[in-house]
């Protein structure tokens, strides 16, 4: 086996390429919770050898997106009601803190980012209304496109906190919540009533932010982020 620095460097480079792809497949539900990650299937999907795939799986093990079974390889990290509750409540607290600090540091540039990101989000509303007329894969892609714009909207709001450390924690929680959020999207976001409530939440939140009403904005964002949890806690998954 070639163990030269060049070979090791190539393995790390390939692992970096596949880790992002594999992470997204797990977060978006391509690989189901607790599904065994067969090396043969991974090699075919990512066109990678065993070494970079093992390195990528090791990185996702640290991020708690996969688990390792003794002598039995890797599985996707399972989901649970306990983890659902922990992630969503912790994320709601962190997001509220980001909002509080963002309002304290508010300026015209931050307000402009909020308005622009909200405009882009409203322009993608049609993606949700079209899903009933699409096959499952097309509908999933539409939902993910909307979700990416939705995430950028929330990122624009919280970016004003000006704390890289806090934003890093927030992003980690967002990724962990993504698997549960995708369950929510697939089950509920084609429901017009749920989507209308989501839009009204955003409108009320933006009004509070632009008025720099910190107490109201923090309350609104906390409840807004718990909505998926409230819907999913009674679901079977």
Protein backbone atom coordinates (compact mmCIF):
# COMPACT_ATOMS: atom_id res chain seq x y z
CA UNK A 1 0.00 0.00 0.00
CA UNK A 2 1.30 3.45 -0.90
CA UNK A 3 1.63 5.48 2.32
CA UNK A 4 3.56 8.41 0.84
CA UNK A 5 2.55 11.99 1.84
CA UNK A 6 1.12 12.52 -1.64
CA UNK A 7 -1.13 9.47 -1.30
CA UNK A 8 -2.32 10.59 2.13
CA UNK A 9 -2.95 14.08 0.81
CA UNK A 10 -5.04 12.73 -2.05
CA UNK A 11 -7.09 10.61 0.34
CA UNK A 12 -7.83 13.66 2.51
CA UNK A 13 -8.75 15.71 -0.56
CA UNK A 14 -11.14 13.06 -1.85
CA UNK A 15 -12.62 12.68 1.64
CA UNK A 16 -13.33 16.42 1.76
CA UNK A 17 -15.17 16.12 -1.55
CA UNK A 18 -17.35 13.23 -0.45
CA UNK A 19 -18.03 14.35 3.13
CA UNK A 20 -20.11 17.32 1.96
CA UNK A 21 -22.10 15.18 -0.48
CA UNK A 22 -22.68 12.39 2.03
CA UNK A 23 -23.66 14.87 4.74
CA UNK A 24 -26.30 16.43 2.50
CA UNK A 25 -27.64 13.00 1.56
CA UNK A 26 -28.05 12.17 5.25
CA UNK A 27 -29.54 15.53 6.22
CA UNK A 28 -31.99 15.51 3.30
CA UNK A 29 -33.08 11.93 3.93
CA UNK A 30 -31.59 10.15 0.91
CA UNK A 31 -30.14 7.77 3.48
CA UNK A 32 -32.75 7.01 6.11
CA UNK A 33 -32.10 7.16 9.87
CA UNK A 34 -30.39 3.98 11.10
CA UNK A 35 -29.82 2.78 7.51
CA UNK A 36 -26.70 0.70 7.05
CA UNK A 37 -24.18 2.53 4.87
CA UNK A 38 -22.93 -0.21 2.59
CA UNK A 39 -19.50 0.53 1.18
CA UNK A 40 -20.48 -0.91 -2.20
CA UNK A 41 -23.39 1.52 -2.46
CA UNK A 42 -21.28 4.48 -1.33
CA UNK A 43 -18.55 3.65 -3.86
CA UNK A 44 -21.10 3.59 -6.66
CA UNK A 45 -22.88 6.79 -5.62
CA UNK A 46 -19.79 8.95 -5.03
CA UNK A 47 -17.36 7.25 -7.39
CA UNK A 48 -14.78 7.07 -4.62
CA UNK A 49 -12.51 4.37 -3.21
CA UNK A 50 -12.71 2.84 0.25
CA UNK A 51 -10.02 5.01 1.91
CA UNK A 52 -11.61 8.45 1.28
CA UNK A 53 -15.04 7.03 2.10
CA UNK A 54 -13.84 5.74 5.46
CA UNK A 55 -12.21 9.08 6.18
CA UNK A 56 -15.45 10.89 5.33
CA UNK A 57 -17.47 8.54 7.53
CA UNK A 58 -15.04 9.14 10.40
CA UNK A 59 -15.60 12.90 10.09
CA UNK A 60 -19.38 12.44 10.13
CA UNK A 61 -19.02 10.18 13.16
CA UNK A 62 -17.54 13.15 15.04
CA UNK A 63 -20.47 15.29 13.86
CA UNK A 64 -22.89 12.64 15.17
CA UNK A 65 -24.46 12.05 11.77
CA UNK A 66 -23.32 8.42 11.58
CA UNK A 67 -22.68 5.73 14.17
CA UNK A 68 -20.24 2.85 14.01
CA UNK A 69 -21.09 -0.73 14.86
CA UNK A 70 -18.32 -2.97 16.11
CA UNK A 71 -17.20 -5.11 13.18
CA UNK A 72 -20.36 -4.18 11.29
CA UNK A 73 -19.48 -0.88 9.60
CA UNK A 74 -21.42 2.39 9.72
CA UNK A 75 -25.08 3.34 10.01
CA UNK A 76 -26.89 6.66 9.74
CA UNK A 77 -27.39 8.17 13.17
CA UNK A 78 -30.90 7.26 14.40
CA UNK A 79 -33.54 9.87 15.17
CA UNK A 80 -35.52 10.01 18.39
CA UNK A 81 -38.16 12.09 20.13
CA UNK A 82 -35.67 12.91 22.91
CA UNK A 83 -33.10 14.26 20.44
CA UNK A 84 -35.82 16.12 18.54
CA UNK A 85 -36.83 17.97 21.72
CA UNK A 86 -33.26 18.69 22.80
CA UNK A 87 -32.11 20.03 19.42
CA UNK A 88 -35.14 22.21 18.76
CA UNK A 89 -35.34 23.79 22.21
CA UNK A 90 -31.60 24.44 22.32
CA UNK A 91 -31.68 25.88 18.80
CA UNK A 92 -34.59 28.17 19.71
CA UNK A 93 -32.63 29.54 22.69
CA UNK A 94 -29.49 30.11 20.60
CA UNK A 95 -31.43 31.78 17.79
CA UNK A 96 -33.14 34.07 20.31
CA UNK A 97 -29.76 35.09 21.71
CA UNK A 98 -28.48 35.81 18.19
CA UNK A 99 -31.54 38.00 17.55
CA UNK A 100 -31.07 39.88 20.83
CA UNK A 101 -27.44 40.69 20.00
CA UNK A 102 -28.29 41.53 16.39
CA UNK A 103 -30.80 44.15 17.51
CA UNK A 104 -28.24 45.60 19.92
CA UNK A 105 -25.80 45.90 16.98
CA UNK A 106 -28.45 46.91 14.42
CA UNK A 107 -27.51 49.11 11.48
CA UNK A 108 -28.86 49.97 8.03
CA UNK A 109 -26.87 47.24 6.29
CA UNK A 110 -28.36 44.54 8.52
CA UNK A 111 -31.88 45.87 7.98
CA UNK A 112 -31.30 45.89 4.21
CA UNK A 113 -30.18 42.25 4.30
CA UNK A 114 -33.34 41.28 6.17
CA UNK A 115 -35.63 42.98 3.67
CA UNK A 116 -33.75 41.57 0.67
CA UNK A 117 -33.71 38.01 2.01
CA UNK A 118 -37.42 38.19 2.83
CA UNK A 119 -38.14 39.35 -0.72
CA UNK A 120 -36.20 36.39 -2.15
CA UNK A 121 -38.06 34.00 0.16
CA UNK A 122 -41.46 35.29 -0.91
CA UNK A 123 -40.46 34.83 -4.55
CA UNK A 124 -39.86 31.12 -3.93
CA UNK A 125 -43.34 30.50 -2.47
CA UNK A 126 -44.48 28.99 -5.76
CA UNK A 127 -42.02 26.11 -5.25
CA UNK A 128 -44.21 24.75 -2.45
CA UNK A 129 -47.50 25.14 -4.28
CA UNK A 130 -46.15 23.12 -7.23
CA UNK A 131 -45.09 20.03 -5.27
CA UNK A 132 -48.44 18.23 -5.54
CA UNK A 133 -48.03 18.09 -9.31
CA UNK A 134 -44.52 16.60 -9.26
CA UNK A 135 -43.04 13.16 -8.72
CA UNK A 136 -41.41 12.47 -5.35
CA UNK A 137 -37.85 13.33 -6.43
CA UNK A 138 -38.89 16.58 -8.14
CA UNK A 139 -40.99 17.55 -5.12
CA UNK A 140 -38.03 16.88 -2.81
CA UNK A 141 -35.81 19.12 -4.93
CA UNK A 142 -38.42 21.90 -4.88
CA UNK A 143 -38.71 21.67 -1.11
CA UNK A 144 -34.95 21.75 -0.68
CA UNK A 145 -34.67 24.80 -2.92
CA UNK A 146 -37.26 26.59 -0.79
CA UNK A 147 -35.53 25.43 2.40
CA UNK A 148 -32.16 26.79 1.25
CA UNK A 149 -33.73 30.23 0.67
CA UNK A 150 -35.51 29.99 4.02
CA UNK A 151 -32.22 29.22 5.75
CA UNK A 152 -30.56 32.23 4.10
CA UNK A 153 -33.40 34.39 5.43
CA UNK A 154 -32.73 33.25 9.01
CA UNK A 155 -28.98 33.55 8.48
CA UNK A 156 -29.40 37.18 7.38
CA UNK A 157 -31.32 37.96 10.55
CA UNK A 158 -28.87 36.30 12.92
CA UNK A 159 -25.70 37.50 11.17
CA UNK A 160 -26.15 40.84 12.86
CA UNK A 161 -25.15 39.35 16.22
CA UNK A 162 -21.52 39.70 15.04
CA UNK A 163 -20.36 36.67 17.03
CA UNK A 164 -18.56 34.04 14.91
CA UNK A 165 -18.49 31.59 17.83
CA UNK A 166 -22.22 31.89 18.43
CA UNK A 167 -23.01 31.59 14.73
CA UNK A 168 -20.89 28.43 14.52
CA UNK A 169 -22.95 26.84 17.30
CA UNK A 170 -26.12 27.99 15.55
CA UNK A 171 -25.04 26.42 12.25
CA UNK A 172 -24.21 23.11 13.93
CA UNK A 173 -27.66 22.99 15.53
CA UNK A 174 -29.26 23.92 12.20
CA UNK A 175 -27.56 20.95 10.53
CA UNK A 176 -28.61 18.57 13.30
CA UNK A 177 -32.17 19.85 13.07
CA UNK A 178 -32.18 19.48 9.29
CA UNK A 179 -33.04 15.79 9.28
CA UNK A 180 -36.07 16.44 11.46
CA UNK A 181 -36.92 19.60 9.55
CA UNK A 182 -36.93 17.66 6.29
CA UNK A 183 -39.44 15.26 7.82
CA UNK A 184 -41.54 18.32 8.64
CA UNK A 185 -41.16 19.74 5.14
CA UNK A 186 -42.15 16.47 3.51
CA UNK A 187 -45.17 15.99 5.78
CA UNK A 188 -46.50 19.50 6.30
CA UNK A 189 -45.18 22.20 4.00
CA UNK A 190 -47.56 21.28 1.19
CA UNK A 191 -50.32 22.16 3.68
CA UNK A 192 -51.40 25.70 2.80
CA UNK A 193 -52.44 26.46 6.36
CA UNK A 194 -49.00 25.54 7.71
CA UNK A 195 -47.27 27.58 5.02
CA UNK A 196 -49.51 30.60 5.61
CA UNK A 197 -48.71 30.46 9.33
CA UNK A 198 -45.01 30.29 8.50
CA UNK A 199 -45.29 33.38 6.29
CA UNK A 200 -47.21 35.31 8.94
CA UNK A 201 -44.52 34.42 11.48
CA UNK A 202 -41.90 35.93 9.18
CA UNK A 203 -43.91 39.12 8.63
CA UNK A 204 -44.43 39.65 12.37
CA UNK A 205 -40.78 38.89 13.05
CA UNK A 206 -39.53 41.37 10.45
CA UNK A 207 -41.78 44.09 11.83
CA UNK A 208 -40.42 43.53 15.34
CA UNK A 209 -36.83 43.48 14.06
CA UNK A 210 -37.14 46.69 12.08
CA UNK A 211 -38.76 48.38 15.08
CA UNK A 212 -35.89 46.94 17.15
CA UNK A 213 -38.32 45.47 19.63
CA UNK A 214 -35.93 42.96 21.16
CA UNK A 215 -38.31 41.31 23.62
CA UNK A 216 -41.03 40.67 21.02
CA UNK A 217 -38.57 39.54 18.33
CA UNK A 218 -36.96 37.01 20.69
CA UNK A 219 -40.35 35.62 21.68
CA UNK A 220 -41.43 35.36 18.05
CA UNK A 221 -38.28 33.60 16.84
CA UNK A 222 -38.39 31.17 19.76
CA UNK A 223 -41.96 30.10 19.00
CA UNK A 224 -41.35 30.10 15.24
CA UNK A 225 -38.47 27.64 15.54
CA UNK A 226 -40.48 25.34 17.78
CA UNK A 227 -43.34 25.00 15.27
CA UNK A 228 -41.77 22.01 13.46
CA UNK A 229 -41.10 20.37 16.83
CA UNK A 230 -44.73 20.80 17.89
CA UNK A 231 -45.92 19.19 14.66
CA UNK A 232 -43.38 16.37 14.61
CA UNK A 233 -43.46 15.30 18.26
CA UNK A 234 -46.67 13.38 17.61
CA UNK A 235 -45.43 11.80 14.37
CA UNK A 236 -44.00 8.34 13.88
CA UNK A 237 -40.45 8.24 12.54
